[in-house]
Every structure is written in C-alpha cells, then in structure tokens.
C-alpha cells in the first residue's frame, strides 16, 4: 500500500519537463514546496487532460473514506479498478498520472524488523523501448535531487462538497525485482503509455493491458534510512512510499 510521497521536484520542473499546456490556479497559488515526506491527505501535483490539453492540477492523495473506514483510499488494484463502484467511474472518465522520481517499499526481516527500500529508474521509463534523444536530454536537465522523473497511473475524483480533487494510484502485482520486497507495485507508465492513459477515448481493454508490472530493465532498488520517515504521520503494515 502506498504510504508516503516525497516532494523533491517543484511543480514548474514537472510542467516544463512534460511540456504541459496549462497549470490550474489552485496549483499556482498553493505552489507545493519541496519536502522530505508527503503522505496521504497532503496535496501534490498530478497531470490530467482538461479541454483537450494536458496540464498540472493539485490533488489530495487519497479518495475520501466511506463511513465504514477512517483512512483515505490511496490505492486502486488493477484487478478491480474498472469494476468497484469506488473507482469505476474515475477509471472510465477521470484518469491521471502522478509524476515521481521513485517509491519506497518496506521489507520485513526474519526478526520482524522492517527496512525501507527505494525504487527508482535509471533514466526515463521506457519498458525496454528506446527513449528519444530529445526526451532523454530534457530528462537529464531535470534530474537534480531525487533523480529522473517518471509517472505512475492514477485516477481522480472531485469532492462535490469541498470542490477538492483527490487522486489514487493504480497498483499491480510486482515484477521480479519488486517481488523480493513487496507483493504489489505501482503501475509505471512510459511516455507513450501516459498519452494513451490520459486520452479519453482509449478503450478499456487497452487501459487494463497497461496496468501491468513494469518490464523495463532500468528499475533499481536500494535500502535507505528509516530516519526519512520519522516522525510517521501515516502508518500501515504494507506501507509503500513514493518520491516526487
């Protein structure tokens, strides 16, 4: 389960790297700053299509919880994202992507202790497909702190009462590397997959095919210090964190 985000990249870098057309006024006014840890219910930039143009918006991580639970719904499993009432309409009409530089998973040791591991990409997401020289050059310009940017598949909703947007991250079964640490992983999208994911007319069958374990050879995992996550604001036994 995704447990925290880290805001290494300012929204303007994300906007420029992906050559986005627009950025919403709420995002400009909030101007989310770089921060070590961003957790559920915090606000972060995400990319969506509005008026036929790709742009950045500001969203709260996690769908509002139903009355039977107290925690926000921060993940949507690929197996049920298109059929569960909580997610189905968003999957059909309100898809988005969340720009990140990596994510964290907690690995349980034989003694019961847990160690955070950071997953990141050595270069832009490509699933084994060559990235254009122009795209690769642009990505290097924005590496800086936190590494290369890539995007995760997401869905969003609008709270009719508050007007706030909320997003959730789509997860799949893990690939071989991720399976050594956790039994789920976020769906990582390439540039071309991102465009299809955001296109309103993309067929549901094609969307589901994209919700698969990452196939690229550039995914790397490294253990990191627990001090990154102290003091915890959100705790879950299956905690997974993302780095923006």
Protein backbone atom coordinates (compact mmCIF):
# COMPACT_ATOMS: atom_id res chain seq x y z
CA UNK A 1 0.00 0.00 0.00
CA UNK A 2 1.39 3.42 -0.95
CA UNK A 3 2.23 5.18 2.28
CA UNK A 4 4.08 8.42 1.55
CA UNK A 5 5.35 10.76 -1.15
CA UNK A 6 8.42 12.99 -1.18
CA UNK A 7 8.33 16.33 -2.95
CA UNK A 8 11.79 16.61 -4.47
CA UNK A 9 10.56 18.26 -7.67
CA UNK A 10 8.87 21.68 -7.84
CA UNK A 11 5.73 21.79 -9.97
CA UNK A 12 7.36 24.09 -12.53
CA UNK A 13 10.03 21.46 -13.31
CA UNK A 14 7.29 18.88 -13.87
CA UNK A 15 5.34 21.32 -16.02
CA UNK A 16 8.37 22.11 -18.19
CA UNK A 17 9.73 18.57 -18.48
CA UNK A 18 6.48 17.18 -19.84
CA UNK A 19 5.79 20.26 -22.00
CA UNK A 20 2.39 20.73 -20.41
CA UNK A 21 0.00 23.36 -21.72
CA UNK A 22 -1.71 24.51 -18.56
CA UNK A 23 -1.48 24.65 -14.77
CA UNK A 24 -4.52 25.32 -12.61
CA UNK A 25 -4.82 28.43 -10.49
CA UNK A 26 -5.14 26.41 -7.24
CA UNK A 27 -1.78 24.83 -8.02
CA UNK A 28 -0.12 28.15 -8.76
CA UNK A 29 -1.50 29.66 -5.56
CA UNK A 30 -0.52 26.70 -3.38
CA UNK A 31 2.88 26.26 -5.08
CA UNK A 32 3.76 22.99 -3.24
CA UNK A 33 7.30 23.22 -1.94
CA UNK A 34 9.98 20.55 -1.85
CA UNK A 35 9.57 18.45 1.26
CA UNK A 36 11.18 15.27 2.56
CA UNK A 37 7.95 13.34 3.08
CA UNK A 38 4.44 13.84 1.67
CA UNK A 39 1.79 11.47 2.97
CA UNK A 40 -1.87 10.66 2.30
CA UNK A 41 -4.21 13.66 2.66
CA UNK A 42 -1.38 16.03 1.63
CA UNK A 43 -1.68 17.91 -1.66
CA UNK A 44 0.53 17.16 -4.64
CA UNK A 45 0.59 17.98 -8.38
CA UNK A 46 -0.82 15.47 -10.84
CA UNK A 47 -1.25 15.52 -14.62
CA UNK A 48 -4.65 15.26 -16.29
CA UNK A 49 -6.37 16.31 -19.52
CA UNK A 50 -8.72 19.30 -19.48
CA UNK A 51 -10.21 20.87 -22.59
CA UNK A 52 -8.15 18.55 -24.75
CA UNK A 53 -4.85 19.75 -23.20
CA UNK A 54 -2.50 18.07 -20.74
CA UNK A 55 -1.83 20.11 -17.66
CA UNK A 56 -0.94 20.08 -13.97
CA UNK A 57 -3.57 20.15 -11.28
CA UNK A 58 -3.46 19.99 -7.50
CA UNK A 59 -4.92 16.97 -5.72
CA UNK A 60 -5.22 15.43 -2.29
CA UNK A 61 -3.68 11.98 -2.14
CA UNK A 62 -6.46 9.56 -1.24
CA UNK A 63 -10.16 9.26 -2.02
CA UNK A 64 -12.35 10.28 0.94
CA UNK A 65 -13.04 7.22 3.10
CA UNK A 66 -16.54 5.74 3.31
CA UNK A 67 -18.25 5.71 6.67
CA UNK A 68 -17.04 2.18 7.47
CA UNK A 69 -13.37 3.18 7.46
CA UNK A 70 -11.36 6.10 8.76
CA UNK A 71 -8.39 6.14 6.39
CA UNK A 72 -8.34 7.58 2.87
CA UNK A 73 -8.36 5.15 -0.07
CA UNK A 74 -4.94 5.77 -1.58
CA UNK A 75 -4.57 2.79 -3.96
CA UNK A 76 -6.72 1.07 -6.56
CA UNK A 77 -5.85 -2.50 -7.53
CA UNK A 78 -5.64 -3.05 -11.29
CA UNK A 79 -7.69 -6.22 -10.94
CA UNK A 80 -10.76 -4.30 -9.71
CA UNK A 81 -10.22 -0.64 -10.64
CA UNK A 82 -12.71 -0.92 -13.50
CA UNK A 83 -15.47 -2.69 -11.59
CA UNK A 84 -15.55 -1.46 -7.98
CA UNK A 85 -18.08 1.37 -7.53
CA UNK A 86 -15.46 3.47 -5.72
CA UNK A 87 -13.17 3.54 -8.76
CA UNK A 88 -15.09 2.53 -11.90
CA UNK A 89 -16.35 5.98 -12.94
CA UNK A 90 -12.95 7.58 -12.31
CA UNK A 91 -11.23 4.82 -14.30
CA UNK A 92 -13.60 5.48 -17.19
CA UNK A 93 -13.60 9.29 -17.20
CA UNK A 94 -11.03 10.76 -14.76
CA UNK A 95 -7.63 9.19 -15.30
CA UNK A 96 -4.43 10.99 -14.34
CA UNK A 97 -0.72 10.37 -13.82
CA UNK A 98 1.40 11.21 -10.80
CA UNK A 99 4.99 12.42 -11.53
CA UNK A 100 7.57 10.78 -9.25
CA UNK A 101 11.28 10.08 -9.00
CA UNK A 102 10.80 6.78 -7.20
CA UNK A 103 8.89 4.97 -4.48
CA UNK A 104 9.62 3.14 -1.26
CA UNK A 105 8.67 -0.32 -0.04
CA UNK A 106 9.18 -1.76 3.44
CA UNK A 107 10.82 -5.19 3.62
CA UNK A 108 10.19 -7.32 6.67
CA UNK A 109 13.23 -9.13 8.09
CA UNK A 110 13.35 -12.52 9.78
CA UNK A 111 13.45 -10.78 13.16
CA UNK A 112 10.29 -8.83 12.42
CA UNK A 113 12.06 -5.54 11.74
CA UNK A 114 11.26 -3.51 8.61
CA UNK A 115 13.70 -1.75 6.28
CA UNK A 116 12.65 0.82 3.67
CA UNK A 117 13.87 0.26 0.11
CA UNK A 118 13.83 2.96 -2.54
CA UNK A 119 12.81 2.02 -6.08
CA UNK A 120 13.82 4.43 -8.84
CA UNK A 121 14.54 4.41 -12.56
CA UNK A 122 17.95 4.82 -14.12
CA UNK A 123 16.67 7.19 -16.80
CA UNK A 124 13.16 7.79 -18.09
CA UNK A 125 10.62 4.96 -18.05
CA UNK A 126 10.94 3.01 -21.29
CA UNK A 127 9.80 -0.59 -20.77
CA UNK A 128 12.68 -1.68 -22.98
CA UNK A 129 11.84 0.85 -25.70
CA UNK A 130 14.44 3.45 -26.61
CA UNK A 131 13.68 6.97 -25.38
CA UNK A 132 14.18 9.72 -27.94
CA UNK A 133 17.42 11.70 -27.64
CA UNK A 134 15.43 14.88 -27.13
CA UNK A 135 13.36 13.35 -24.34
CA UNK A 136 16.44 11.86 -22.68
CA UNK A 137 18.28 15.19 -22.82
CA UNK A 138 15.32 17.03 -21.32
CA UNK A 139 15.06 14.46 -18.54
CA UNK A 140 18.75 14.88 -17.64
CA UNK A 141 18.17 18.62 -17.27
CA UNK A 142 15.68 17.97 -14.51
CA UNK A 143 17.36 15.08 -12.67
CA UNK A 144 18.88 17.04 -9.80
CA UNK A 145 17.75 15.94 -6.36
CA UNK A 146 15.79 12.72 -6.36
CA UNK A 147 16.76 11.52 -9.85
CA UNK A 148 14.81 11.11 -13.08
CA UNK A 149 11.10 11.83 -13.28
CA UNK A 150 8.61 9.24 -14.44
CA UNK A 151 4.86 8.80 -13.95
CA UNK A 152 2.50 6.41 -12.19
CA UNK A 153 -1.00 5.55 -13.39
CA UNK A 154 -3.71 7.19 -11.32
CA UNK A 155 -7.36 8.11 -11.17
CA UNK A 156 -9.01 11.15 -9.57
CA UNK A 157 -12.35 12.36 -8.29
CA UNK A 158 -13.87 15.71 -7.32
CA UNK A 159 -15.44 16.14 -3.90
CA UNK A 160 -18.76 17.88 -4.61
CA UNK A 161 -18.89 19.39 -1.13
CA UNK A 162 -15.40 20.92 -0.95
CA UNK A 163 -14.55 21.11 -4.65
CA UNK A 164 -11.19 19.49 -3.91
CA UNK A 165 -9.71 16.90 -6.25
CA UNK A 166 -8.50 13.59 -4.82
CA UNK A 167 -6.26 11.05 -6.56
CA UNK A 168 -5.39 7.39 -6.03
CA UNK A 169 -2.56 5.31 -7.50
CA UNK A 170 -3.19 2.14 -9.51
CA UNK A 171 -1.16 -0.88 -8.38
CA UNK A 172 -0.40 -4.25 -9.96
CA UNK A 173 1.27 -7.47 -8.98
CA UNK A 174 5.07 -6.96 -8.70
CA UNK A 175 7.74 -7.69 -11.26
CA UNK A 176 10.64 -9.98 -10.34
CA UNK A 177 12.70 -7.27 -8.64
CA UNK A 178 9.83 -5.71 -6.69
CA UNK A 179 8.57 -9.13 -5.56
CA UNK A 180 11.69 -9.53 -3.43
CA UNK A 181 10.45 -6.63 -1.29
CA UNK A 182 6.65 -6.47 -1.61
CA UNK A 183 3.66 -8.22 -3.19
CA UNK A 184 2.41 -5.10 -5.03
CA UNK A 185 3.92 -2.27 -7.04
CA UNK A 186 2.56 0.94 -8.61
CA UNK A 187 1.82 0.89 -12.34
CA UNK A 188 4.70 2.73 -14.07
CA UNK A 189 3.85 4.27 -17.45
CA UNK A 190 6.15 5.13 -20.34
CA UNK A 191 5.68 8.40 -22.27
CA UNK A 192 3.57 6.71 -24.96
CA UNK A 193 1.53 4.81 -22.37
CA UNK A 194 0.98 8.05 -20.47
CA UNK A 195 -0.57 9.66 -23.56
CA UNK A 196 -2.89 6.68 -24.07
CA UNK A 197 -3.81 6.59 -20.39
CA UNK A 198 -4.82 10.26 -20.48
CA UNK A 199 -6.68 10.06 -23.79
CA UNK A 200 -10.45 9.97 -23.06
CA UNK A 201 -11.24 7.67 -25.99
CA UNK A 202 -8.75 4.89 -25.13
CA UNK A 203 -10.58 1.57 -24.96
CA UNK A 204 -10.97 -0.04 -21.50
CA UNK A 205 -9.23 -3.19 -22.73
CA UNK A 206 -6.16 -1.15 -23.73
CA UNK A 207 -6.15 0.62 -20.36
CA UNK A 208 -6.21 -2.67 -18.48
CA UNK A 209 -3.32 -4.00 -20.59
CA UNK A 210 -1.22 -1.04 -19.43
CA UNK A 211 -1.87 -1.91 -15.78
CA UNK A 212 0.89 -4.48 -15.58
CA UNK A 213 4.21 -4.94 -13.75
CA UNK A 214 6.97 -2.72 -15.08
CA UNK A 215 9.01 -4.52 -17.76
CA UNK A 216 11.98 -2.17 -18.16
CA UNK A 217 15.47 -3.16 -17.07
CA UNK A 218 16.21 0.26 -15.57
CA UNK A 219 14.30 -0.22 -12.31
CA UNK A 220 16.69 -0.26 -9.35
CA UNK A 221 16.15 -0.79 -5.60
CA UNK A 222 18.32 0.37 -2.70
CA UNK A 223 17.84 0.25 1.10
CA UNK A 224 17.53 3.66 2.76
CA UNK A 225 17.49 5.02 6.30
CA UNK A 226 14.33 4.84 8.40
CA UNK A 227 15.05 8.38 9.53
CA UNK A 228 13.49 9.60 6.26
CA UNK A 229 10.10 8.62 7.60
CA UNK A 230 10.22 9.99 11.14
CA UNK A 231 8.03 11.01 12.76
CA UNK A 232 5.37 8.97 10.94
CA UNK A 233 2.10 10.64 10.07
CA UNK A 234 0.55 7.61 8.43
CA UNK A 235 1.39 4.03 9.35
CA UNK A 236 0.36 0.83 7.60
CA UNK A 237 1.80 -2.66 7.78
CA UNK A 238 2.06 -2.77 3.99
CA UNK A 239 3.50 0.75 3.73
CA UNK A 240 4.88 1.81 0.37
CA UNK A 241 6.14 5.33 -0.24
CA UNK A 242 6.56 7.36 -3.41
CA UNK A 243 9.09 10.02 -4.24
CA UNK A 244 8.03 13.01 -6.32
